Each structure stands twice: as C-alpha cells, then as structure tokens.
Amino acid sequence: MVDIFLRTLPFFAIIGLGYWAGRSRFFSEDATAYLTKFVFFFALSAMLFRFAATLPFAEIFNGRLVFGYLLGTVVVYTLATLVAWLRGLEIPTAAVEAQCAAIGNVGFLGLPMLALLFSEAAIGPVMLVLTVDLVVFSSLIVILINGGRDGRLTPATFRLIGLGLLKNPMIVSISAGMLWSALQVPVPTPLNDFLTILGGAATPGALFAIGASLASKSAERVQIAAWLSFCKLVIHPICVAVALIWIIPIETFPATVAIAAAALPVAGNVYMLAAHYGVAPHRASAAILLSTAASILTVPFVIAWVGTT
C-alpha cells in the first residue's frame, strides 16, 4: 500500500498546489473557471478522442463491466436516497445527496491518474465508467430535480437532458472516437501528434483546476458531508467490487480499474448542478472538499485491497 500511496501522491500534490493557488488568490476564481473550461473542452476531449480512436473497439466496449458498474452504483445511489428520505428530505435534495454518494471525479482525476497507474490499457474501462456516470446519472438527477419540483415530467425536461448530452464534450469526444475506431480508420500522424500534445495538458491542468476550485468550497454541514463521503469512498467501491467480482464477474484487470474509479472522490460537476438548480449547493460543496481530502488515503487503500482480492 505504501508503494501505491507514493505513486498517487504526486497527483494529490498537484491538487494541493492548485488549492494553494486558489486559496492565496494567486489564481482567481475567474482564472480557475477559464482553466477548467480549457481542460474540459480542449485538453481532456483531445485525450479521450485519441484513446477512443486508437484503441480497437472490442477493447473499449465491455457490456458486463457496464452492467456490473451500473448495478453497484445503483445500490449506493438507492441507499443514499433512502437515508435522505428517512430524514424527511424532499426529492430534489435527496437526488443531490445520492449524486454525491455515487458519482466520482472520473473525468478530471480518474482518467489521468488511473491511466498512469495502470497503463493506457485502463483507458477503455475508465471511459465506460465515465459514460455511465454522464449518460445515466447526470440525466437521472435532472429528472429527479425537475420532477420533484413540478410533480411531473415535461417534454422540456427530456429536451434539456438531450441537449446537455449533445453539448457535453466528453460524451462527444468518446462517441466520435469510438465511431472512428469502429470504422477502423487510421489516425493520420499529424492529427495524432496534435491530439497527443493537446491531450498532454489534460493531466496537470485537470488536477490543478480541481485544487483551485476546492479553494472556493465551504465545509458546512460536515456531518452530512462525512456520511456522503463515506458512501462515495467506501460503500461505492465495495458495491462495485461485489457486482464485478461475484454477481457479474469479469476479467481481473477491468474490474480492478472500475473499482478504483468507484473509489474516487465526489465529482465537481455535482456542485455545478446543485448550484444551477439552487438545491443544497453547500452540502455538495462540503462533500467534494471532504471526500477529496480523505481520498489521499482511501484511494491507495482501495487499489491495494483490490489487488489482493
């Protein structure tokens, strides 16, 4: 475990550097927003497209992994929702808590870190996990918030979901890359070099942006944040491990990568959704801050645990 901790430490050190830059105002909130936009729309998208386009389609898509990860995530999502309902929370607030409990920072943290920890062979499983999170659960929270507020679902809600997916650069880049791979079209050398150079900025840029954005997060509602962080960092990887090892067993390597992805801290886009709809943003903010800090220890532990399972 010490070896894994030392290998993950540089990633969290860059997050810490970004946090210092944001906390000290060396990096303003506007600068953080623009850096995040660059990584999201350009660097990370270039990385995703290059990997998806250059990997054989059969190595990317794994239906058993998708269903196993989905099953494990639904279990923890349901658990967090039930606990929220038992506390008397409304559906929109319960949806935000469930999103915190089940959706990790796979794009900005998981993709670059797991690719370097496990080699580029981890990219396929990570992209599938990311796709499930974006397509299924990012859509689900919009449905629950809008349905919970209005008491019904309207065509406008589904139109909003569809447009959100079509405008998400991660979904677009993964889909375009998988289509390129399925058509077995070679990637021209100049294009591959362009994507490699641009995608190379994704890892340091994304990690630094995570840290800088954490500097503006609050630590209110610590007890709730601790519960949601426990769900995300402990219960979620356990549920995914049970699903992929015993219920829908798959090969060891993709199962290990998916379980490691499930152990990642709460995703930053949960706060963006909560703030956009005005539903428990401080709760999401605290969960992101606390889970990211705790993940410095929990992520290496989970990876070491999976390696001995």
C-alpha atoms as a PDB file:
ATOM      1  CA  MET A   1       0.000   0.000   0.000  1.00  0.00           C
ATOM      2  CA  VAL A   2       2.889   2.370   0.753  1.00  0.00           C
ATOM      3  CA  ASP A   3       4.121   1.973  -2.831  1.00  0.00           C
ATOM      4  CA  ILE A   4       0.673   2.793  -4.216  1.00  0.00           C
ATOM      5  CA  PHE A   5       0.356   5.760  -1.856  1.00  0.00           C
ATOM      6  CA  LEU A   6       3.686   7.136  -3.087  1.00  0.00           C
ATOM      7  CA  ARG A   7       2.610   6.662  -6.714  1.00  0.00           C
ATOM      8  CA  THR A   8      -0.682   8.527  -6.171  1.00  0.00           C
ATOM      9  CA  LEU A   9       0.904  11.250  -4.028  1.00  0.00           C
ATOM     10  CA  PRO A  10       2.145  13.405  -6.967  1.00  0.00           C
ATOM     11  CA  PHE A  11      -1.415  13.629  -8.312  1.00  0.00           C
ATOM     12  CA  PHE A  12      -2.742  14.885  -4.991  1.00  0.00           C
ATOM     13  CA  ALA A  13       0.291  17.164  -4.643  1.00  0.00           C
ATOM     14  CA  ILE A  14      -0.728  18.944  -7.866  1.00  0.00           C
ATOM     15  CA  ILE A  15      -4.274  19.236  -6.479  1.00  0.00           C
ATOM     16  CA  GLY A  16      -2.757  20.706  -3.310  1.00  0.00           C
ATOM     17  CA  LEU A  17      -0.731  23.169  -5.385  1.00  0.00           C
ATOM     18  CA  GLY A  18      -3.897  24.264  -7.150  1.00  0.00           C
ATOM     19  CA  TYR A  19      -5.658  24.605  -3.802  1.00  0.00           C
ATOM     20  CA  TRP A  20      -2.857  26.850  -2.523  1.00  0.00           C
ATOM     21  CA  ALA A  21      -3.022  28.971  -5.681  1.00  0.00           C
ATOM     22  CA  GLY A  22      -6.766  29.426  -5.282  1.00  0.00           C
ATOM     23  CA  ARG A  23      -6.690  29.934  -1.532  1.00  0.00           C
ATOM     24  CA  SER A  24      -3.927  32.547  -1.721  1.00  0.00           C
ATOM     25  CA  ARG A  25      -5.747  34.318  -4.577  1.00  0.00           C
ATOM     26  CA  PHE A  26      -2.705  33.796  -6.804  1.00  0.00           C
ATOM     27  CA  PHE A  27      -5.283  32.113  -9.025  1.00  0.00           C
ATOM     28  CA  SER A  28      -8.587  33.983  -9.079  1.00  0.00           C
ATOM     29  CA  GLU A  29     -11.954  32.255  -9.432  1.00  0.00           C
ATOM     30  CA  ASP A  30     -12.176  33.614 -12.990  1.00  0.00           C
ATOM     31  CA  ALA A  31      -8.776  32.138 -13.817  1.00  0.00           C
ATOM     32  CA  THR A  32      -9.872  28.789 -12.360  1.00  0.00           C
ATOM     33  CA  ALA A  33     -13.058  28.891 -14.432  1.00  0.00           C
ATOM     34  CA  TYR A  34     -11.119  29.521 -17.647  1.00  0.00           C
ATOM     35  CA  LEU A  35      -8.571  26.798 -16.860  1.00  0.00           C
ATOM     36  CA  THR A  36     -11.400  24.365 -16.171  1.00  0.00           C
ATOM     37  CA  LYS A  37     -13.049  25.331 -19.463  1.00  0.00           C
ATOM     38  CA  PHE A  38      -9.790  24.769 -21.368  1.00  0.00           C
ATOM     39  CA  VAL A  39      -9.303  21.332 -19.830  1.00  0.00           C
ATOM     40  CA  PHE A  40     -12.955  20.341 -20.245  1.00  0.00           C
ATOM     41  CA  PHE A  41     -13.467  21.447 -23.847  1.00  0.00           C
ATOM     42  CA  PHE A  42      -9.995  21.003 -25.308  1.00  0.00           C
ATOM     43  CA  ALA A  43      -7.307  19.044 -23.436  1.00  0.00           C
ATOM     44  CA  LEU A  44      -9.428  16.301 -21.878  1.00  0.00           C
ATOM     45  CA  SER A  45     -11.554  15.973 -25.000  1.00  0.00           C
ATOM     46  CA  ALA A  46      -8.420  15.542 -27.127  1.00  0.00           C
ATOM     47  CA  MET A  47      -7.149  12.843 -24.763  1.00  0.00           C
ATOM     48  CA  LEU A  48     -10.474  10.988 -24.790  1.00  0.00           C
ATOM     49  CA  PHE A  49     -10.852  11.140 -28.558  1.00  0.00           C
ATOM     50  CA  ARG A  50      -7.282   9.937 -29.209  1.00  0.00           C
ATOM     51  CA  PHE A  51      -7.585   6.968 -26.879  1.00  0.00           C
ATOM     52  CA  ALA A  52     -11.041   6.003 -28.152  1.00  0.00           C
ATOM     53  CA  ALA A  53      -9.993   6.344 -31.809  1.00  0.00           C
ATOM     54  CA  THR A  54      -6.737   4.406 -31.494  1.00  0.00           C
ATOM     55  CA  LEU A  55      -7.954   1.527 -29.302  1.00  0.00           C
ATOM     56  CA  PRO A  56      -9.707  -1.398 -31.021  1.00  0.00           C
ATOM     57  CA  PHE A  57     -13.463  -1.102 -30.464  1.00  0.00           C
ATOM     58  CA  ALA A  58     -13.590  -4.582 -28.896  1.00  0.00           C
ATOM     59  CA  GLU A  59     -11.111  -3.433 -26.227  1.00  0.00           C
ATOM     60  CA  ILE A  60     -13.226  -0.405 -25.320  1.00  0.00           C
ATOM     61  CA  PHE A  61     -16.740  -1.768 -25.001  1.00  0.00           C
ATOM     62  CA  ASN A  62     -17.402  -4.315 -22.270  1.00  0.00           C
ATOM     63  CA  GLY A  63     -21.100  -4.903 -21.655  1.00  0.00           C
ATOM     64  CA  ARG A  64     -20.555  -6.897 -18.462  1.00  0.00           C
ATOM     65  CA  LEU A  65     -18.445  -4.099 -16.992  1.00  0.00           C
ATOM     66  CA  VAL A  66     -21.152  -1.553 -17.849  1.00  0.00           C
ATOM     67  CA  PHE A  67     -23.914  -3.591 -16.198  1.00  0.00           C
ATOM     68  CA  GLY A  68     -21.767  -4.512 -13.186  1.00  0.00           C
ATOM     69  CA  TYR A  69     -20.679  -0.926 -12.548  1.00  0.00           C
ATOM     70  CA  LEU A  70     -24.243   0.279 -13.106  1.00  0.00           C
ATOM     71  CA  LEU A  71     -25.584  -2.277 -10.616  1.00  0.00           C
ATOM     72  CA  GLY A  72     -23.081  -1.336  -7.911  1.00  0.00           C
ATOM     73  CA  THR A  73     -23.708   2.370  -8.431  1.00  0.00           C
ATOM     74  CA  VAL A  74     -27.494   1.966  -8.349  1.00  0.00           C
ATOM     75  CA  VAL A  75     -27.204   0.200  -4.977  1.00  0.00           C
ATOM     76  CA  VAL A  76     -25.277   3.035  -3.309  1.00  0.00           C
ATOM     77  CA  TYR A  77     -27.455   5.638  -5.093  1.00  0.00           C
ATOM     78  CA  THR A  78     -30.553   3.951  -3.703  1.00  0.00           C
ATOM     79  CA  LEU A  79     -29.058   3.669  -0.213  1.00  0.00           C
ATOM     80  CA  ALA A  80     -28.232   7.376  -0.068  1.00  0.00           C
ATOM     81  CA  THR A  81     -31.705   8.226  -1.379  1.00  0.00           C
ATOM     82  CA  LEU A  82     -33.429   6.060   1.250  1.00  0.00           C
ATOM     83  CA  VAL A  83     -31.382   7.622   4.059  1.00  0.00           C
ATOM     84  CA  ALA A  84     -32.289  11.088   2.749  1.00  0.00           C
ATOM     85  CA  TRP A  85     -35.992  10.212   2.621  1.00  0.00           C
ATOM     86  CA  LEU A  86     -35.879   8.786   6.166  1.00  0.00           C
ATOM     87  CA  ARG A  87     -34.540  12.182   7.248  1.00  0.00           C
ATOM     88  CA  GLY A  88     -37.557  13.820   5.626  1.00  0.00           C
ATOM     89  CA  LEU A  89     -35.744  15.470   2.709  1.00  0.00           C
ATOM     90  CA  GLU A  90     -37.544  16.446  -0.490  1.00  0.00           C
ATOM     91  CA  ILE A  91     -36.819  14.603  -3.733  1.00  0.00           C
ATOM     92  CA  PRO A  92     -34.512  17.280  -5.255  1.00  0.00           C
ATOM     93  CA  THR A  93     -32.309  17.433  -2.136  1.00  0.00           C
ATOM     94  CA  ALA A  94     -32.268  13.643  -1.849  1.00  0.00           C
ATOM     95  CA  ALA A  95     -31.173  13.484  -5.511  1.00  0.00           C
ATOM     96  CA  VAL A  96     -28.223  15.800  -4.864  1.00  0.00           C
ATOM     97  CA  GLU A  97     -27.134  13.703  -1.872  1.00  0.00           C
ATOM     98  CA  ALA A  98     -27.419  10.496  -3.913  1.00  0.00           C
ATOM     99  CA  GLN A  99     -25.363  12.070  -6.676  1.00  0.00           C
ATOM    100  CA  CYS A 100     -22.651  12.957  -4.148  1.00  0.00           C
ATOM    101  CA  ALA A 101     -22.687   9.388  -2.823  1.00  0.00           C
ATOM    102  CA  ALA A 102     -22.340   7.703  -6.217  1.00  0.00           C
ATOM    103  CA  ILE A 103     -20.661   9.958  -8.801  1.00  0.00           C
ATOM    104  CA  GLY A 104     -16.895  10.353  -8.633  1.00  0.00           C
ATOM    105  CA  ASN A 105     -14.382  12.647 -10.276  1.00  0.00           C
ATOM    106  CA  VAL A 106     -13.657  10.160 -13.056  1.00  0.00           C
ATOM    107  CA  GLY A 107     -13.023  12.693 -15.825  1.00  0.00           C
ATOM    108  CA  PHE A 108     -10.647  15.191 -14.223  1.00  0.00           C
ATOM    109  CA  LEU A 109      -8.964  12.941 -11.629  1.00  0.00           C
ATOM    110  CA  GLY A 110      -9.643   9.309 -12.527  1.00  0.00           C
ATOM    111  CA  LEU A 111      -8.798   9.362 -16.213  1.00  0.00           C
ATOM    112  CA  PRO A 112      -5.282  10.837 -15.950  1.00  0.00           C
ATOM    113  CA  MET A 113      -4.395   9.135 -12.656  1.00  0.00           C
ATOM    114  CA  LEU A 114      -5.608   5.628 -13.469  1.00  0.00           C
ATOM    115  CA  ALA A 115      -4.081   5.766 -16.953  1.00  0.00           C
ATOM    116  CA  LEU A 116      -0.664   6.408 -15.423  1.00  0.00           C
ATOM    117  CA  LEU A 117      -1.118   3.988 -12.526  1.00  0.00           C
ATOM    118  CA  PHE A 118      -2.453   1.068 -14.571  1.00  0.00           C
ATOM    119  CA  SER A 119      -1.075   1.970 -18.051  1.00  0.00           C
ATOM    120  CA  GLU A 120      -3.066   3.139 -21.064  1.00  0.00           C
ATOM    121  CA  ALA A 121      -4.931  -0.181 -21.045  1.00  0.00           C
ATOM    122  CA  ALA A 122      -7.053   1.333 -18.239  1.00  0.00           C
ATOM    123  CA  ILE A 123      -8.458   3.993 -20.551  1.00  0.00           C
ATOM    124  CA  GLY A 124     -11.167   1.738 -22.016  1.00  0.00           C
ATOM    125  CA  PRO A 125     -12.734   0.746 -18.647  1.00  0.00           C
ATOM    126  CA  VAL A 126     -12.435   4.310 -17.330  1.00  0.00           C
ATOM    127  CA  MET A 127     -14.218   5.709 -20.392  1.00  0.00           C
ATOM    128  CA  LEU A 128     -17.072   3.226 -19.904  1.00  0.00           C
ATOM    129  CA  VAL A 129     -17.410   4.233 -16.244  1.00  0.00           C
ATOM    130  CA  LEU A 130     -17.362   7.904 -17.242  1.00  0.00           C
ATOM    131  CA  THR A 131     -20.003   7.312 -19.920  1.00  0.00           C
ATOM    132  CA  VAL A 132     -22.331   5.550 -17.460  1.00  0.00           C
ATOM    133  CA  ASP A 133     -21.971   8.412 -14.987  1.00  0.00           C
ATOM    134  CA  LEU A 134     -22.627  11.086 -17.597  1.00  0.00           C
ATOM    135  CA  VAL A 135     -25.414   9.427 -19.571  1.00  0.00           C
ATOM    136  CA  VAL A 136     -27.335   7.628 -16.820  1.00  0.00           C
ATOM    137  CA  PHE A 137     -26.818   9.506 -13.575  1.00  0.00           C
ATOM    138  CA  SER A 138     -26.365  13.061 -14.855  1.00  0.00           C
ATOM    139  CA  SER A 139     -29.671  12.553 -16.673  1.00  0.00           C
ATOM    140  CA  LEU A 140     -31.278  10.985 -13.597  1.00  0.00           C
ATOM    141  CA  ILE A 141     -30.552  13.937 -11.315  1.00  0.00           C
ATOM    142  CA  VAL A 142     -32.109  16.354 -13.813  1.00  0.00           C
ATOM    143  CA  ILE A 143     -35.216  14.144 -13.980  1.00  0.00           C
ATOM    144  CA  LEU A 144     -35.485  13.876 -10.193  1.00  0.00           C
ATOM    145  CA  ILE A 145     -34.974  17.592  -9.532  1.00  0.00           C
ATOM    146  CA  ASN A 146     -37.402  18.762 -12.201  1.00  0.00           C
ATOM    147  CA  GLY A 147     -39.937  16.017 -11.489  1.00  0.00           C
ATOM    148  CA  GLY A 148     -39.702  16.603  -7.745  1.00  0.00           C
ATOM    149  CA  ARG A 149     -40.322  20.314  -8.137  1.00  0.00           C
ATOM    150  CA  ASP A 150     -43.125  20.172 -10.685  1.00  0.00           C
ATOM    151  CA  GLY A 151     -44.693  16.879  -9.619  1.00  0.00           C
ATOM    152  CA  ARG A 152     -44.487  15.689 -13.226  1.00  0.00           C
ATOM    153  CA  LEU A 153     -42.073  15.347 -16.126  1.00  0.00           C
ATOM    154  CA  THR A 154     -42.482  17.510 -19.200  1.00  0.00           C
ATOM    155  CA  PRO A 155     -41.021  17.166 -22.711  1.00  0.00           C
ATOM    156  CA  ALA A 156     -38.872  20.196 -21.871  1.00  0.00           C
ATOM    157  CA  THR A 157     -37.061  18.158 -19.217  1.00  0.00           C
ATOM    158  CA  PHE A 158     -36.097  15.425 -21.674  1.00  0.00           C
ATOM    159  CA  ARG A 159     -35.163  18.031 -24.270  1.00  0.00           C
ATOM    160  CA  LEU A 160     -32.878  19.626 -21.669  1.00  0.00           C
ATOM    161  CA  ILE A 161     -31.269  16.251 -20.955  1.00  0.00           C
ATOM    162  CA  GLY A 162     -30.761  15.521 -24.647  1.00  0.00           C
ATOM    163  CA  LEU A 163     -29.183  18.898 -25.336  1.00  0.00           C
ATOM    164  CA  GLY A 164     -26.968  18.529 -22.273  1.00  0.00           C
ATOM    165  CA  LEU A 165     -25.617  15.206 -23.529  1.00  0.00           C
ATOM    166  CA  LEU A 166     -25.101  16.512 -27.055  1.00  0.00           C
ATOM    167  CA  LYS A 167     -23.216  19.554 -25.740  1.00  0.00           C
ATOM    168  CA  ASN A 168     -21.030  17.615 -23.307  1.00  0.00           C
ATOM    169  CA  PRO A 169     -17.543  17.469 -24.875  1.00  0.00           C
ATOM    170  CA  MET A 170     -16.665  14.270 -23.008  1.00  0.00           C
ATOM    171  CA  ILE A 171     -19.651  12.423 -24.468  1.00  0.00           C
ATOM    172  CA  VAL A 172     -18.987  13.883 -27.929  1.00  0.00           C
ATOM    173  CA  SER A 173     -15.270  13.028 -27.910  1.00  0.00           C
ATOM    174  CA  ILE A 174     -15.798   9.476 -26.614  1.00  0.00           C
ATOM    175  CA  SER A 175     -18.602   8.823 -29.118  1.00  0.00           C
ATOM    176  CA  ALA A 176     -16.642  10.278 -32.035  1.00  0.00           C
ATOM    177  CA  GLY A 177     -13.536   8.323 -31.066  1.00  0.00           C
ATOM    178  CA  MET A 178     -15.432   5.035 -30.716  1.00  0.00           C
ATOM    179  CA  LEU A 179     -17.072   5.602 -34.107  1.00  0.00           C
ATOM    180  CA  TRP A 180     -13.637   6.288 -35.634  1.00  0.00           C
ATOM    181  CA  SER A 181     -12.341   3.079 -34.050  1.00  0.00           C
ATOM    182  CA  ALA A 182     -15.357   1.032 -35.182  1.00  0.00           C
ATOM    183  CA  LEU A 183     -14.814   2.209 -38.764  1.00  0.00           C
ATOM    184  CA  GLN A 184     -11.147   1.134 -38.437  1.00  0.00           C
ATOM    185  CA  VAL A 185      -9.908   4.382 -39.929  1.00  0.00           C
ATOM    186  CA  PRO A 186      -6.199   5.047 -39.184  1.00  0.00           C
ATOM    187  CA  VAL A 187      -5.479   8.271 -37.326  1.00  0.00           C
ATOM    188  CA  PRO A 188      -3.127  10.382 -39.501  1.00  0.00           C
ATOM    189  CA  THR A 189       0.218  11.092 -37.852  1.00  0.00           C
ATOM    190  CA  PRO A 190      -0.201  14.918 -37.792  1.00  0.00           C
ATOM    191  CA  LEU A 191      -3.638  14.537 -36.160  1.00  0.00           C
ATOM    192  CA  ASN A 192      -2.324  12.006 -33.653  1.00  0.00           C
ATOM    193  CA  ASP A 193       0.594  14.309 -32.753  1.00  0.00           C
ATOM    194  CA  PHE A 194      -1.814  17.253 -32.371  1.00  0.00           C
ATOM    195  CA  LEU A 195      -4.094  15.248 -30.069  1.00  0.00           C
ATOM    196  CA  THR A 196      -1.109  13.934 -28.077  1.00  0.00           C
ATOM    197  CA  ILE A 197       0.297  17.409 -27.450  1.00  0.00           C
ATOM    198  CA  LEU A 198      -3.079  18.936 -26.584  1.00  0.00           C
ATOM    199  CA  GLY A 199      -4.153  15.926 -24.517  1.00  0.00           C
ATOM    200  CA  GLY A 200      -0.880  16.084 -22.601  1.00  0.00           C
ATOM    201  CA  ALA A 201      -2.146  19.234 -20.906  1.00  0.00           C
ATOM    202  CA  ALA A 202      -5.148  17.356 -19.507  1.00  0.00           C
ATOM    203  CA  THR A 203      -3.436  15.672 -16.551  1.00  0.00           C
ATOM    204  CA  PRO A 204      -1.678  18.653 -14.889  1.00  0.00           C
ATOM    205  CA  GLY A 205      -4.402  21.072 -15.983  1.00  0.00           C
ATOM    206  CA  ALA A 206      -7.252  18.973 -14.621  1.00  0.00           C
ATOM    207  CA  LEU A 207      -5.534  18.252 -11.296  1.00  0.00           C
ATOM    208  CA  PHE A 208      -4.553  21.894 -10.789  1.00  0.00           C
ATOM    209  CA  ALA A 209      -8.094  23.004 -11.679  1.00  0.00           C
ATOM    210  CA  ILE A 210      -9.556  20.569  -9.123  1.00  0.00           C
ATOM    211  CA  GLY A 211      -7.389  22.057  -6.366  1.00  0.00           C
ATOM    212  CA  ALA A 212      -8.054  25.654  -7.344  1.00  0.00           C
ATOM    213  CA  SER A 213     -11.811  25.035  -7.448  1.00  0.00           C
ATOM    214  CA  LEU A 214     -11.703  23.400  -3.988  1.00  0.00           C
ATOM    215  CA  ALA A 215     -10.358  26.651  -2.554  1.00  0.00           C
ATOM    216  CA  SER A 216     -13.776  28.242  -3.007  1.00  0.00           C
ATOM    217  CA  LYS A 217     -15.676  25.307  -1.473  1.00  0.00           C
ATOM    218  CA  SER A 218     -17.112  25.559   2.037  1.00  0.00           C
ATOM    219  CA  ALA A 219     -17.006  22.939   4.788  1.00  0.00           C
ATOM    220  CA  GLU A 220     -20.533  23.471   6.087  1.00  0.00           C
ATOM    221  CA  ARG A 221     -22.811  20.560   7.090  1.00  0.00           C
ATOM    222  CA  VAL A 222     -19.783  18.448   7.987  1.00  0.00           C
ATOM    223  CA  GLN A 223     -21.793  15.519   9.404  1.00  0.00           C
ATOM    224  CA  ILE A 224     -23.797  15.124   6.202  1.00  0.00           C
ATOM    225  CA  ALA A 225     -20.655  15.595   4.099  1.00  0.00           C
ATOM    226  CA  ALA A 226     -18.912  12.893   6.146  1.00  0.00           C
ATOM    227  CA  TRP A 227     -21.776  10.446   5.501  1.00  0.00           C
ATOM    228  CA  LEU A 228     -21.814  11.189   1.772  1.00  0.00           C
ATOM    229  CA  SER A 229     -18.008  10.930   1.601  1.00  0.00           C
ATOM    230  CA  PHE A 230     -18.174   7.557   3.369  1.00  0.00           C
ATOM    231  CA  CYS A 231     -20.714   6.385   0.783  1.00  0.00           C
ATOM    232  CA  LYS A 232     -18.521   7.558  -2.090  1.00  0.00           C
ATOM    233  CA  LEU A 233     -15.108   6.462  -0.851  1.00  0.00           C
ATOM    234  CA  VAL A 234     -16.034   3.221   0.937  1.00  0.00           C
ATOM    235  CA  ILE A 235     -19.517   1.899   0.149  1.00  0.00           C
ATOM    236  CA  HIS A 236     -19.416   2.642  -3.583  1.00  0.00           C
ATOM    237  CA  PRO A 237     -16.201   0.708  -4.369  1.00  0.00           C
ATOM    238  CA  ILE A 238     -17.410  -2.183  -2.177  1.00  0.00           C
ATOM    239  CA  CYS A 239     -20.727  -2.361  -4.063  1.00  0.00           C
ATOM    240  CA  VAL A 240     -18.974  -2.234  -7.447  1.00  0.00           C
ATOM    241  CA  ALA A 241     -16.474  -4.868  -6.291  1.00  0.00           C
ATOM    242  CA  VAL A 242     -19.282  -7.232  -5.226  1.00  0.00           C
ATOM    243  CA  ALA A 243     -21.028  -6.680  -8.571  1.00  0.00           C
ATOM    244  CA  LEU A 244     -17.933  -7.186 -10.773  1.00  0.00           C
ATOM    245  CA  ILE A 245     -16.250  -9.969  -8.805  1.00  0.00           C
ATOM    246  CA  TRP A 246     -19.204 -12.124  -7.694  1.00  0.00           C
ATOM    247  CA  ILE A 247     -22.506 -11.099  -9.331  1.00  0.00           C
ATOM    248  CA  ILE A 248     -21.389 -10.238 -12.892  1.00  0.00           C
ATOM    249  CA  PRO A 249     -17.771 -11.433 -12.842  1.00  0.00           C
ATOM    250  CA  ILE A 250     -15.379 -10.005 -15.419  1.00  0.00           C
ATOM    251  CA  GLU A 251     -11.639 -10.174 -16.042  1.00  0.00           C
ATOM    252  CA  THR A 252      -9.431  -9.027 -13.169  1.00  0.00           C
ATOM    253  CA  PHE A 253      -7.850  -6.002 -14.859  1.00  0.00           C
ATOM    254  CA  PRO A 254     -11.005  -4.122 -15.990  1.00  0.00           C
ATOM    255  CA  ALA A 255     -12.690  -4.994 -12.682  1.00  0.00           C
ATOM    256  CA  THR A 256      -9.746  -3.513 -10.762  1.00  0.00           C
ATOM    257  CA  VAL A 257      -9.840  -0.318 -12.826  1.00  0.00           C
ATOM    258  CA  ALA A 258     -13.608   0.081 -12.416  1.00  0.00           C
ATOM    259  CA  ILE A 259     -13.434  -0.489  -8.653  1.00  0.00           C
ATOM    260  CA  ALA A 260     -10.602   2.051  -8.390  1.00  0.00           C
ATOM    261  CA  ALA A 261     -12.736   4.516 -10.384  1.00  0.00           C
ATOM    262  CA  ALA A 262     -15.618   3.922  -7.958  1.00  0.00           C
ATOM    263  CA  ALA A 263     -13.303   4.873  -5.071  1.00  0.00           C
ATOM    264  CA  LEU A 264     -12.688   8.384  -6.412  1.00  0.00           C
ATOM    265  CA  PRO A 265     -13.975  11.448  -4.514  1.00  0.00           C
ATOM    266  CA  VAL A 266     -17.202  13.303  -5.326  1.00  0.00           C
ATOM    267  CA  ALA A 267     -17.250  14.890  -8.792  1.00  0.00           C
ATOM    268  CA  GLY A 268     -17.101  18.656  -9.117  1.00  0.00           C
ATOM    269  CA  ASN A 269     -19.996  18.733 -11.573  1.00  0.00           C
ATOM    270  CA  VAL A 270     -22.339  17.664  -8.747  1.00  0.00           C
ATOM    271  CA  TYR A 271     -21.800  21.083  -7.182  1.00  0.00           C
ATOM    272  CA  MET A 272     -22.351  22.763 -10.558  1.00  0.00           C
ATOM    273  CA  LEU A 273     -25.714  21.018 -10.938  1.00  0.00           C
ATOM    274  CA  ALA A 274     -26.705  21.744  -7.334  1.00  0.00           C
ATOM    275  CA  ALA A 275     -25.778  25.411  -7.708  1.00  0.00           C
ATOM    276  CA  HIS A 276     -27.544  25.681 -11.073  1.00  0.00           C
ATOM    277  CA  TYR A 277     -30.823  24.382  -9.644  1.00  0.00           C
ATOM    278  CA  GLY A 278     -30.357  26.004  -6.230  1.00  0.00           C
ATOM    279  CA  VAL A 279     -30.610  22.661  -4.421  1.00  0.00           C
ATOM    280  CA  ALA A 280     -28.238  22.018  -1.472  1.00  0.00           C
ATOM    281  CA  PRO A 281     -25.107  23.532  -3.076  1.00  0.00           C
ATOM    282  CA  HIS A 282     -23.318  23.881   0.289  1.00  0.00           C
ATOM    283  CA  ARG A 283     -23.963  20.207   1.008  1.00  0.00           C
ATOM    284  CA  ALA A 284     -22.387  19.199  -2.312  1.00  0.00           C
ATOM    285  CA  SER A 285     -19.518  21.653  -1.789  1.00  0.00           C
ATOM    286  CA  ALA A 286     -18.640  20.192   1.618  1.00  0.00           C
ATOM    287  CA  ALA A 287     -18.863  16.613   0.305  1.00  0.00           C
ATOM    288  CA  ILE A 288     -16.462  17.417  -2.551  1.00  0.00           C
ATOM    289  CA  LEU A 289     -13.972  19.109  -0.225  1.00  0.00           C
ATOM    290  CA  LEU A 290     -14.055  16.416   2.471  1.00  0.00           C
ATOM    291  CA  SER A 291     -14.048  13.420   0.110  1.00  0.00           C
ATOM    292  CA  THR A 292     -11.146  14.819  -1.930  1.00  0.00           C
ATOM    293  CA  ALA A 293      -9.059  15.353   1.199  1.00  0.00           C
ATOM    294  CA  ALA A 294      -9.856  11.880   2.550  1.00  0.00           C
ATOM    295  CA  SER A 295      -9.226  10.203  -0.809  1.00  0.00           C
ATOM    296  CA  ILE A 296      -5.490  10.838  -0.431  1.00  0.00           C
ATOM    297  CA  LEU A 297      -5.549   7.842   1.927  1.00  0.00           C
ATOM    298  CA  THR A 298      -8.620   5.887   0.822  1.00  0.00           C
ATOM    299  CA  VAL A 299      -7.851   5.597  -2.911  1.00  0.00           C
ATOM    300  CA  PRO A 300      -4.443   3.903  -2.386  1.00  0.00           C
ATOM    301  CA  PHE A 301      -6.056   1.629   0.217  1.00  0.00           C
ATOM    302  CA  VAL A 302      -8.814   0.539  -2.196  1.00  0.00           C
ATOM    303  CA  ILE A 303      -6.342  -0.075  -5.032  1.00  0.00           C
ATOM    304  CA  ALA A 304      -4.149  -2.154  -2.710  1.00  0.00           C
ATOM    305  CA  TRP A 305      -7.217  -4.032  -1.417  1.00  0.00           C
ATOM    306  CA  VAL A 306      -8.456  -4.841  -4.906  1.00  0.00           C
ATOM    307  CA  GLY A 307      -5.006  -6.032  -5.883  1.00  0.00           C
ATOM    308  CA  THR A 308      -5.155  -8.704  -3.187  1.00  0.00           C
ATOM    309  CA  THR A 309      -8.780  -9.756  -3.809  1.00  0.00           C
END
